[in-house]
């Protein structure tokens, strides 16, 4: 739930409270290695917004979240199958957004802190390691966005710079000050849409995505290179048997760029996810 309190004609105070009930159960197909997690979590959120000149609004916000994990029910763990205590994440943000004629813009500084879990011990024999909380990952960054709107054009651009570091790690203190795994330092997004007045109902789009390099192994001993992809699409809205119907012909990853999309680590294992190759897609949707 959330509520707004009018401070004065220019400022508003926003208060929020979210309650989440988590219930997770898993087991192998033969019924072994079962795990269970059942808990209710309540977190607050607060923000202050203030109207500025030139049709702009400044704001500051603070919110909490809760992240939960369950230890895999495997014999190597001393706490196998146990639901670990919940750990809080926090997000602080300070920003300005506004509009001037057809132009939209926003900028924000943010500071996000997330808990990190790890395995302490050899993890090669029965009861040889313990799953536990192992410090935090702090993500500080800057977001910039710019948009344009007209009868024919819709353009949006966004850039995010991330300075992320591990801290308070106890299992392997060497990781303190290092960049967390699978976190790029730069993310760029751009999208342009054009509506063709010569052909009513037709619009074409171009989307560009770029993500900077990220660490695959602790300490940056191995990295995933940066990647950039482009997607093209044509959308046509018309009537079929009296129903509004949207036709889309899309060419995803138009240059057929081969790249590693991300590289998460889970329970001591490193994973590589490849980006999808070039794909031609035709979809038809009926709009009610």
C-alpha atoms as a PDB file:
ATOM      1  CA  UNK A   1       0.000   0.000   0.000  1.00  0.00           C
ATOM      2  CA  UNK A   2       1.087   3.622  -0.492  1.00  0.00           C
ATOM      3  CA  UNK A   3      -0.094   7.096   0.418  1.00  0.00           C
ATOM      4  CA  UNK A   4       0.729  10.677  -0.549  1.00  0.00           C
ATOM      5  CA  UNK A   5       0.880  13.546   1.927  1.00  0.00           C
ATOM      6  CA  UNK A   6       0.743  17.068   0.511  1.00  0.00           C
ATOM      7  CA  UNK A   7       3.461  19.061   2.330  1.00  0.00           C
ATOM      8  CA  UNK A   8       2.767  22.295   0.429  1.00  0.00           C
ATOM      9  CA  UNK A   9       1.735  23.318  -3.088  1.00  0.00           C
ATOM     10  CA  UNK A  10       5.146  22.274  -4.449  1.00  0.00           C
ATOM     11  CA  UNK A  11       6.131  19.261  -2.328  1.00  0.00           C
ATOM     12  CA  UNK A  12       4.651  15.829  -1.645  1.00  0.00           C
ATOM     13  CA  UNK A  13       5.686  13.115   0.791  1.00  0.00           C
ATOM     14  CA  UNK A  14       5.155   9.529  -0.401  1.00  0.00           C
ATOM     15  CA  UNK A  15       4.935   6.625   2.040  1.00  0.00           C
ATOM     16  CA  UNK A  16       4.698   2.970   1.119  1.00  0.00           C
ATOM     17  CA  UNK A  17       4.629  -0.420   2.781  1.00  0.00           C
ATOM     18  CA  UNK A  18       4.857  -3.746   0.995  1.00  0.00           C
ATOM     19  CA  UNK A  19       4.125  -7.131   2.524  1.00  0.00           C
ATOM     20  CA  UNK A  20       5.219 -10.216   0.597  1.00  0.00           C
ATOM     21  CA  UNK A  21       4.480 -13.826   1.418  1.00  0.00           C
ATOM     22  CA  UNK A  22       7.062 -16.273   0.067  1.00  0.00           C
ATOM     23  CA  UNK A  23       6.271 -19.957  -0.204  1.00  0.00           C
ATOM     24  CA  UNK A  24       8.726 -22.128  -2.111  1.00  0.00           C
ATOM     25  CA  UNK A  25       9.026 -25.882  -2.278  1.00  0.00           C
ATOM     26  CA  UNK A  26      11.311 -27.979  -4.453  1.00  0.00           C
ATOM     27  CA  UNK A  27      12.368 -31.588  -4.783  1.00  0.00           C
ATOM     28  CA  UNK A  28      13.845 -33.953  -7.309  1.00  0.00           C
ATOM     29  CA  UNK A  29      11.552 -36.062  -9.481  1.00  0.00           C
ATOM     30  CA  UNK A  30      12.130 -39.029  -7.165  1.00  0.00           C
ATOM     31  CA  UNK A  31      11.041 -36.962  -4.136  1.00  0.00           C
ATOM     32  CA  UNK A  32      14.521 -36.560  -2.654  1.00  0.00           C
ATOM     33  CA  UNK A  33      16.418 -33.382  -1.667  1.00  0.00           C
ATOM     34  CA  UNK A  34      13.240 -31.508  -0.745  1.00  0.00           C
ATOM     35  CA  UNK A  35      13.429 -27.895   0.441  1.00  0.00           C
ATOM     36  CA  UNK A  36      10.755 -25.645   1.960  1.00  0.00           C
ATOM     37  CA  UNK A  37      10.527 -21.911   2.581  1.00  0.00           C
ATOM     38  CA  UNK A  38       7.488 -20.122   4.001  1.00  0.00           C
ATOM     39  CA  UNK A  39       7.782 -16.600   5.373  1.00  0.00           C
ATOM     40  CA  UNK A  40       6.132 -13.164   5.286  1.00  0.00           C
ATOM     41  CA  UNK A  41       8.255 -10.061   4.749  1.00  0.00           C
ATOM     42  CA  UNK A  42       7.266  -6.395   5.172  1.00  0.00           C
ATOM     43  CA  UNK A  43       9.418  -3.560   3.822  1.00  0.00           C
ATOM     44  CA  UNK A  44       9.024   0.262   3.817  1.00  0.00           C
ATOM     45  CA  UNK A  45       9.476   2.895   1.113  1.00  0.00           C
ATOM     46  CA  UNK A  46       9.539   6.693   1.475  1.00  0.00           C
ATOM     47  CA  UNK A  47      10.075   9.512  -1.021  1.00  0.00           C
ATOM     48  CA  UNK A  48       9.883  13.302  -1.166  1.00  0.00           C
ATOM     49  CA  UNK A  49       9.139  15.069  -4.459  1.00  0.00           C
ATOM     50  CA  UNK A  50       9.391  18.804  -5.136  1.00  0.00           C
ATOM     51  CA  UNK A  51       8.269  20.718  -8.213  1.00  0.00           C
ATOM     52  CA  UNK A  52      10.989  22.885  -9.731  1.00  0.00           C
ATOM     53  CA  UNK A  53      11.096  25.501 -12.460  1.00  0.00           C
ATOM     54  CA  UNK A  54      11.075  24.631 -16.188  1.00  0.00           C
ATOM     55  CA  UNK A  55       8.451  21.921 -15.692  1.00  0.00           C
ATOM     56  CA  UNK A  56      10.827  19.699 -13.718  1.00  0.00           C
ATOM     57  CA  UNK A  57      10.451  17.665 -10.532  1.00  0.00           C
ATOM     58  CA  UNK A  58      13.191  16.703  -8.077  1.00  0.00           C
ATOM     59  CA  UNK A  59      12.884  13.732  -5.775  1.00  0.00           C
ATOM     60  CA  UNK A  60      14.694  11.703  -3.143  1.00  0.00           C
ATOM     61  CA  UNK A  61      13.678   8.189  -2.136  1.00  0.00           C
ATOM     62  CA  UNK A  62      14.662   5.367   0.172  1.00  0.00           C
ATOM     63  CA  UNK A  63      13.361   1.829   0.076  1.00  0.00           C
ATOM     64  CA  UNK A  64      14.079  -1.588   1.497  1.00  0.00           C
ATOM     65  CA  UNK A  65      13.710  -5.031   0.048  1.00  0.00           C
ATOM     66  CA  UNK A  66      14.343  -8.482   1.435  1.00  0.00           C
ATOM     67  CA  UNK A  67      16.195 -11.299  -0.294  1.00  0.00           C
ATOM     68  CA  UNK A  68      15.876 -14.885   0.852  1.00  0.00           C
ATOM     69  CA  UNK A  69      17.671 -18.115   0.034  1.00  0.00           C
ATOM     70  CA  UNK A  70      17.371 -21.788   0.913  1.00  0.00           C
ATOM     71  CA  UNK A  71      20.437 -24.005   1.211  1.00  0.00           C
ATOM     72  CA  UNK A  72      20.337 -26.868  -1.325  1.00  0.00           C
ATOM     73  CA  UNK A  73      19.409 -30.133   0.352  1.00  0.00           C
ATOM     74  CA  UNK A  74      22.692 -31.830  -0.436  1.00  0.00           C
ATOM     75  CA  UNK A  75      24.902 -33.850   1.880  1.00  0.00           C
ATOM     76  CA  UNK A  76      27.868 -31.521   1.426  1.00  0.00           C
ATOM     77  CA  UNK A  77      26.113 -28.806   3.487  1.00  0.00           C
ATOM     78  CA  UNK A  78      25.988 -28.708   7.268  1.00  0.00           C
ATOM     79  CA  UNK A  79      22.724 -26.743   6.961  1.00  0.00           C
ATOM     80  CA  UNK A  80      21.269 -28.690   4.035  1.00  0.00           C
ATOM     81  CA  UNK A  81      17.699 -27.742   3.109  1.00  0.00           C
ATOM     82  CA  UNK A  82      17.462 -24.925   5.658  1.00  0.00           C
ATOM     83  CA  UNK A  83      15.857 -21.572   4.844  1.00  0.00           C
ATOM     84  CA  UNK A  84      18.512 -18.948   5.554  1.00  0.00           C
ATOM     85  CA  UNK A  85      17.632 -15.837   7.569  1.00  0.00           C
ATOM     86  CA  UNK A  86      16.260 -13.035   5.415  1.00  0.00           C
ATOM     87  CA  UNK A  87      18.690 -10.225   4.545  1.00  0.00           C
ATOM     88  CA  UNK A  88      17.716  -6.677   3.647  1.00  0.00           C
ATOM     89  CA  UNK A  89      18.609  -4.812   0.488  1.00  0.00           C
ATOM     90  CA  UNK A  90      18.376  -1.021   0.355  1.00  0.00           C
ATOM     91  CA  UNK A  91      18.017   1.522  -2.428  1.00  0.00           C
ATOM     92  CA  UNK A  92      18.635   5.261  -2.129  1.00  0.00           C
ATOM     93  CA  UNK A  93      17.975   7.539  -5.089  1.00  0.00           C
ATOM     94  CA  UNK A  94      18.237  11.253  -5.813  1.00  0.00           C
ATOM     95  CA  UNK A  95      16.964  12.489  -9.157  1.00  0.00           C
ATOM     96  CA  UNK A  96      15.357  15.098 -11.390  1.00  0.00           C
ATOM     97  CA  UNK A  97      12.947  14.540 -14.264  1.00  0.00           C
ATOM     98  CA  UNK A  98      11.087  16.895 -16.530  1.00  0.00           C
ATOM     99  CA  UNK A  99       9.653  17.790 -19.922  1.00  0.00           C
ATOM    100  CA  UNK A 100      10.086  20.738 -22.252  1.00  0.00           C
ATOM    101  CA  UNK A 101       7.984  20.765 -25.397  1.00  0.00           C
ATOM    102  CA  UNK A 102       8.516  17.440 -27.198  1.00  0.00           C
ATOM    103  CA  UNK A 103      11.565  16.596 -25.068  1.00  0.00           C
ATOM    104  CA  UNK A 104      11.574  14.394 -21.966  1.00  0.00           C
ATOM    105  CA  UNK A 105      14.586  13.912 -19.707  1.00  0.00           C
ATOM    106  CA  UNK A 106      15.633  12.384 -16.402  1.00  0.00           C
ATOM    107  CA  UNK A 107      18.780  11.938 -14.348  1.00  0.00           C
ATOM    108  CA  UNK A 108      19.350  10.086 -11.088  1.00  0.00           C
ATOM    109  CA  UNK A 109      22.089   9.075  -8.684  1.00  0.00           C
ATOM    110  CA  UNK A 110      21.489   5.777  -6.911  1.00  0.00           C
ATOM    111  CA  UNK A 111      23.063   3.618  -4.227  1.00  0.00           C
ATOM    112  CA  UNK A 112      21.879  -0.004  -4.013  1.00  0.00           C
ATOM    113  CA  UNK A 113      23.135  -2.470  -1.412  1.00  0.00           C
ATOM    114  CA  UNK A 114      22.396  -6.186  -1.844  1.00  0.00           C
ATOM    115  CA  UNK A 115      23.275  -9.155   0.383  1.00  0.00           C
ATOM    116  CA  UNK A 116      25.604 -11.854  -0.928  1.00  0.00           C
ATOM    117  CA  UNK A 117      25.600 -15.521   0.080  1.00  0.00           C
ATOM    118  CA  UNK A 118      28.499 -17.935  -0.180  1.00  0.00           C
ATOM    119  CA  UNK A 119      29.713 -21.439   0.689  1.00  0.00           C
ATOM    120  CA  UNK A 120      32.277 -21.661   3.468  1.00  0.00           C
ATOM    121  CA  UNK A 121      34.395 -24.807   3.479  1.00  0.00           C
ATOM    122  CA  UNK A 122      35.798 -27.365   1.061  1.00  0.00           C
ATOM    123  CA  UNK A 123      32.349 -28.417  -0.277  1.00  0.00           C
ATOM    124  CA  UNK A 124      33.825 -31.649  -1.654  1.00  0.00           C
ATOM    125  CA  UNK A 125      32.730 -34.140   1.024  1.00  0.00           C
ATOM    126  CA  UNK A 126      29.700 -34.642   3.242  1.00  0.00           C
ATOM    127  CA  UNK A 127      29.200 -31.893   5.844  1.00  0.00           C
ATOM    128  CA  UNK A 128      32.243 -30.026   4.531  1.00  0.00           C
ATOM    129  CA  UNK A 129      30.715 -26.575   3.946  1.00  0.00           C
ATOM    130  CA  UNK A 130      28.060 -24.189   5.222  1.00  0.00           C
ATOM    131  CA  UNK A 131      25.847 -21.881   3.193  1.00  0.00           C
ATOM    132  CA  UNK A 132      25.808 -18.449   4.862  1.00  0.00           C
ATOM    133  CA  UNK A 133      25.531 -14.709   4.356  1.00  0.00           C
ATOM    134  CA  UNK A 134      28.849 -13.295   3.160  1.00  0.00           C
ATOM    135  CA  UNK A 135      28.772  -9.511   3.162  1.00  0.00           C
ATOM    136  CA  UNK A 136      27.222  -7.208   0.609  1.00  0.00           C
ATOM    137  CA  UNK A 137      27.559  -5.890  -2.922  1.00  0.00           C
ATOM    138  CA  UNK A 138      27.154  -2.117  -3.227  1.00  0.00           C
ATOM    139  CA  UNK A 139      26.104  -0.623  -6.565  1.00  0.00           C
ATOM    140  CA  UNK A 140      26.555   3.131  -6.951  1.00  0.00           C
ATOM    141  CA  UNK A 141      25.712   4.725 -10.232  1.00  0.00           C
ATOM    142  CA  UNK A 142      24.294   7.401 -12.475  1.00  0.00           C
ATOM    143  CA  UNK A 143      21.315   7.125 -14.824  1.00  0.00           C
ATOM    144  CA  UNK A 144      20.652   9.532 -17.688  1.00  0.00           C
ATOM    145  CA  UNK A 145      17.652   9.427 -19.976  1.00  0.00           C
ATOM    146  CA  UNK A 146      16.395  11.503 -22.894  1.00  0.00           C
ATOM    147  CA  UNK A 147      13.250  11.175 -24.971  1.00  0.00           C
ATOM    148  CA  UNK A 148      11.485  12.876 -27.843  1.00  0.00           C
ATOM    149  CA  UNK A 149       7.814  12.755 -28.860  1.00  0.00           C
ATOM    150  CA  UNK A 150       6.095  14.013 -32.007  1.00  0.00           C
ATOM    151  CA  UNK A 151       3.243  12.879 -34.229  1.00  0.00           C
ATOM    152  CA  UNK A 152       5.610  10.645 -36.200  1.00  0.00           C
ATOM    153  CA  UNK A 153       8.619  10.043 -33.953  1.00  0.00           C
ATOM    154  CA  UNK A 154       9.072   8.388 -30.579  1.00  0.00           C
ATOM    155  CA  UNK A 155      12.699   8.264 -29.429  1.00  0.00           C
ATOM    156  CA  UNK A 156      14.085   7.083 -26.086  1.00  0.00           C
ATOM    157  CA  UNK A 157      17.699   6.819 -24.928  1.00  0.00           C
ATOM    158  CA  UNK A 158      19.129   5.741 -21.579  1.00  0.00           C
ATOM    159  CA  UNK A 159      22.587   5.263 -20.102  1.00  0.00           C
ATOM    160  CA  UNK A 160      23.616   3.747 -16.778  1.00  0.00           C
ATOM    161  CA  UNK A 161      27.101   3.883 -15.280  1.00  0.00           C
ATOM    162  CA  UNK A 162      27.759   1.436 -12.426  1.00  0.00           C
ATOM    163  CA  UNK A 163      30.508   1.444  -9.818  1.00  0.00           C
ATOM    164  CA  UNK A 164      29.959  -1.840  -7.959  1.00  0.00           C
ATOM    165  CA  UNK A 165      32.130  -3.304  -5.192  1.00  0.00           C
ATOM    166  CA  UNK A 166      32.044  -6.191  -2.721  1.00  0.00           C
ATOM    167  CA  UNK A 167      32.508  -5.469   0.974  1.00  0.00           C
ATOM    168  CA  UNK A 168      32.250  -7.201   4.373  1.00  0.00           C
ATOM    169  CA  UNK A 169      33.134 -10.569   2.793  1.00  0.00           C
ATOM    170  CA  UNK A 170      34.390 -13.020   5.424  1.00  0.00           C
ATOM    171  CA  UNK A 171      34.629 -16.318   3.541  1.00  0.00           C
ATOM    172  CA  UNK A 172      37.201 -14.860   1.136  1.00  0.00           C
ATOM    173  CA  UNK A 173      38.186 -11.340   2.302  1.00  0.00           C
ATOM    174  CA  UNK A 174      40.297 -10.874  -0.830  1.00  0.00           C
ATOM    175  CA  UNK A 175      37.035 -10.166  -2.659  1.00  0.00           C
ATOM    176  CA  UNK A 176      36.477  -6.975  -0.644  1.00  0.00           C
ATOM    177  CA  UNK A 177      36.896  -4.007  -2.976  1.00  0.00           C
ATOM    178  CA  UNK A 178      36.516  -6.192  -6.076  1.00  0.00           C
ATOM    179  CA  UNK A 179      33.749  -5.827  -8.619  1.00  0.00           C
ATOM    180  CA  UNK A 180      30.862  -8.307  -8.143  1.00  0.00           C
ATOM    181  CA  UNK A 181      30.553 -10.985 -10.783  1.00  0.00           C
ATOM    182  CA  UNK A 182      28.228 -10.533 -13.756  1.00  0.00           C
ATOM    183  CA  UNK A 183      27.813  -6.753 -13.334  1.00  0.00           C
ATOM    184  CA  UNK A 184      28.630  -4.518 -16.337  1.00  0.00           C
ATOM    185  CA  UNK A 185      30.071  -1.064 -15.757  1.00  0.00           C
ATOM    186  CA  UNK A 186      28.030   0.538 -18.549  1.00  0.00           C
ATOM    187  CA  UNK A 187      24.575  -0.152 -20.022  1.00  0.00           C
ATOM    188  CA  UNK A 188      23.196   1.785 -23.004  1.00  0.00           C
ATOM    189  CA  UNK A 189      19.728   1.506 -24.520  1.00  0.00           C
ATOM    190  CA  UNK A 190      18.179   3.385 -27.446  1.00  0.00           C
ATOM    191  CA  UNK A 191      14.922   2.977 -29.335  1.00  0.00           C
ATOM    192  CA  UNK A 192      13.411   4.909 -32.231  1.00  0.00           C
ATOM    193  CA  UNK A 193       9.897   4.476 -33.619  1.00  0.00           C
ATOM    194  CA  UNK A 194       8.550   6.120 -36.794  1.00  0.00           C
ATOM    195  CA  UNK A 195       4.877   6.252 -37.777  1.00  0.00           C
ATOM    196  CA  UNK A 196       4.316   6.353 -41.549  1.00  0.00           C
ATOM    197  CA  UNK A 197       1.637   8.866 -42.438  1.00  0.00           C
ATOM    198  CA  UNK A 198       1.639   7.536 -46.021  1.00  0.00           C
ATOM    199  CA  UNK A 199       0.538   4.109 -44.713  1.00  0.00           C
ATOM    200  CA  UNK A 200      -1.861   4.517 -41.771  1.00  0.00           C
ATOM    201  CA  UNK A 201      -1.255   1.900 -39.084  1.00  0.00           C
ATOM    202  CA  UNK A 202       2.359   1.248 -40.073  1.00  0.00           C
ATOM    203  CA  UNK A 203       5.265   1.986 -37.724  1.00  0.00           C
ATOM    204  CA  UNK A 204       8.879   0.821 -37.794  1.00  0.00           C
ATOM    205  CA  UNK A 205      11.289   0.545 -34.883  1.00  0.00           C
ATOM    206  CA  UNK A 206      14.991   0.253 -34.247  1.00  0.00           C
ATOM    207  CA  UNK A 207      16.376  -0.849 -30.882  1.00  0.00           C
ATOM    208  CA  UNK A 208      20.029  -0.745 -29.859  1.00  0.00           C
ATOM    209  CA  UNK A 209      21.443  -2.409 -26.732  1.00  0.00           C
ATOM    210  CA  UNK A 210      24.982  -2.223 -25.378  1.00  0.00           C
ATOM    211  CA  UNK A 211      26.453  -3.686 -22.192  1.00  0.00           C
ATOM    212  CA  UNK A 212      30.050  -3.258 -21.061  1.00  0.00           C
ATOM    213  CA  UNK A 213      32.403  -6.028 -20.031  1.00  0.00           C
ATOM    214  CA  UNK A 214      31.780  -7.938 -16.802  1.00  0.00           C
ATOM    215  CA  UNK A 215      33.857 -10.155 -14.526  1.00  0.00           C
ATOM    216  CA  UNK A 216      33.341 -13.876 -15.006  1.00  0.00           C
ATOM    217  CA  UNK A 217      35.772 -14.968 -12.267  1.00  0.00           C
ATOM    218  CA  UNK A 218      36.626 -13.241  -8.985  1.00  0.00           C
ATOM    219  CA  UNK A 219      39.267 -10.549  -9.274  1.00  0.00           C
ATOM    220  CA  UNK A 220      38.662 -10.080 -12.987  1.00  0.00           C
ATOM    221  CA  UNK A 221      40.943 -12.979 -13.933  1.00  0.00           C
ATOM    222  CA  UNK A 222      38.518 -13.722 -16.755  1.00  0.00           C
ATOM    223  CA  UNK A 223      36.045 -11.275 -18.261  1.00  0.00           C
ATOM    224  CA  UNK A 224      33.150 -11.356 -20.675  1.00  0.00           C
ATOM    225  CA  UNK A 225      33.633  -8.792 -23.470  1.00  0.00           C
ATOM    226  CA  UNK A 226      31.226  -5.953 -24.099  1.00  0.00           C
ATOM    227  CA  UNK A 227      28.484  -6.490 -26.668  1.00  0.00           C
ATOM    228  CA  UNK A 228      26.104  -4.487 -28.834  1.00  0.00           C
ATOM    229  CA  UNK A 229      22.986  -5.703 -30.645  1.00  0.00           C
ATOM    230  CA  UNK A 230      20.400  -4.144 -32.944  1.00  0.00           C
ATOM    231  CA  UNK A 231      16.767  -5.214 -33.424  1.00  0.00           C
ATOM    232  CA  UNK A 232      14.533  -4.100 -36.296  1.00  0.00           C
ATOM    233  CA  UNK A 233      10.759  -4.379 -36.467  1.00  0.00           C
ATOM    234  CA  UNK A 234       7.753  -3.307 -38.520  1.00  0.00           C
ATOM    235  CA  UNK A 235       4.287  -3.139 -36.933  1.00  0.00           C
ATOM    236  CA  UNK A 236       1.050  -2.826 -38.881  1.00  0.00           C
ATOM    237  CA  UNK A 237      -2.294  -2.263 -37.220  1.00  0.00           C
ATOM    238  CA  UNK A 238      -5.410  -3.015 -39.259  1.00  0.00           C
ATOM    239  CA  UNK A 239      -8.822  -4.639 -38.997  1.00  0.00           C
ATOM    240  CA  UNK A 240      -9.399  -8.311 -39.789  1.00  0.00           C
ATOM    241  CA  UNK A 241     -13.044  -9.506 -39.667  1.00  0.00           C
ATOM    242  CA  UNK A 242     -13.905  -6.349 -37.736  1.00  0.00           C
ATOM    243  CA  UNK A 243     -11.230  -6.911 -35.048  1.00  0.00           C
ATOM    244  CA  UNK A 244      -8.214  -4.658 -34.497  1.00  0.00           C
ATOM    245  CA  UNK A 245      -5.194  -6.788 -35.376  1.00  0.00           C
ATOM    246  CA  UNK A 246      -1.511  -5.987 -34.904  1.00  0.00           C
ATOM    247  CA  UNK A 247       1.011  -7.633 -37.242  1.00  0.00           C
ATOM    248  CA  UNK A 248       4.701  -7.574 -36.292  1.00  0.00           C
ATOM    249  CA  UNK A 249       7.662  -8.629 -38.406  1.00  0.00           C
ATOM    250  CA  UNK A 250      10.859  -8.443 -36.332  1.00  0.00           C
ATOM    251  CA  UNK A 251      14.507  -9.150 -37.055  1.00  0.00           C
ATOM    252  CA  UNK A 252      16.229  -9.671 -33.706  1.00  0.00           C
ATOM    253  CA  UNK A 253      20.019  -9.410 -33.429  1.00  0.00           C
ATOM    254  CA  UNK A 254      20.053  -8.181 -37.030  1.00  0.00           C
ATOM    255  CA  UNK A 255      23.857  -8.371 -37.378  1.00  0.00           C
ATOM    256  CA  UNK A 256      23.881 -11.960 -36.015  1.00  0.00           C
ATOM    257  CA  UNK A 257      26.343 -10.892 -33.322  1.00  0.00           C
ATOM    258  CA  UNK A 258      27.759 -13.843 -31.347  1.00  0.00           C
ATOM    259  CA  UNK A 259      28.149 -12.842 -27.704  1.00  0.00           C
ATOM    260  CA  UNK A 260      27.856 -13.987 -24.099  1.00  0.00           C
ATOM    261  CA  UNK A 261      24.792 -12.294 -22.638  1.00  0.00           C
ATOM    262  CA  UNK A 262      25.584 -12.879 -18.945  1.00  0.00           C
ATOM    263  CA  UNK A 263      27.616 -15.016 -16.553  1.00  0.00           C
ATOM    264  CA  UNK A 264      25.953 -15.737 -13.190  1.00  0.00           C
ATOM    265  CA  UNK A 265      27.582 -17.824 -10.465  1.00  0.00           C
ATOM    266  CA  UNK A 266      25.490 -20.136  -8.294  1.00  0.00           C
ATOM    267  CA  UNK A 267      26.557 -22.538  -5.549  1.00  0.00           C
ATOM    268  CA  UNK A 268      30.186 -22.546  -6.654  1.00  0.00           C
ATOM    269  CA  UNK A 269      29.452 -23.035 -10.358  1.00  0.00           C
ATOM    270  CA  UNK A 270      30.051 -20.493 -13.126  1.00  0.00           C
ATOM    271  CA  UNK A 271      27.479 -20.293 -15.920  1.00  0.00           C
ATOM    272  CA  UNK A 272      27.675 -18.745 -19.377  1.00  0.00           C
ATOM    273  CA  UNK A 273      24.507 -17.747 -21.228  1.00  0.00           C
ATOM    274  CA  UNK A 274      24.900 -17.102 -24.933  1.00  0.00           C
ATOM    275  CA  UNK A 275      22.974 -14.323 -26.618  1.00  0.00           C
ATOM    276  CA  UNK A 276      20.321 -15.428 -29.087  1.00  0.00           C
ATOM    277  CA  UNK A 277      21.453 -15.530 -32.745  1.00  0.00           C
ATOM    278  CA  UNK A 278      19.679 -13.655 -35.533  1.00  0.00           C
ATOM    279  CA  UNK A 279      15.989 -14.474 -35.445  1.00  0.00           C
ATOM    280  CA  UNK A 280      13.152 -13.549 -37.816  1.00  0.00           C
ATOM    281  CA  UNK A 281       9.805 -13.470 -36.027  1.00  0.00           C
ATOM    282  CA  UNK A 282       6.249 -12.909 -37.292  1.00  0.00           C
ATOM    283  CA  UNK A 283       3.461 -12.441 -34.737  1.00  0.00           C
ATOM    284  CA  UNK A 284      -0.200 -11.561 -35.040  1.00  0.00           C
ATOM    285  CA  UNK A 285      -2.224 -10.214 -32.110  1.00  0.00           C
ATOM    286  CA  UNK A 286      -5.926  -9.518 -31.922  1.00  0.00           C
ATOM    287  CA  UNK A 287      -6.636  -6.415 -29.827  1.00  0.00           C
ATOM    288  CA  UNK A 288      -9.875  -6.381 -27.869  1.00  0.00           C
END
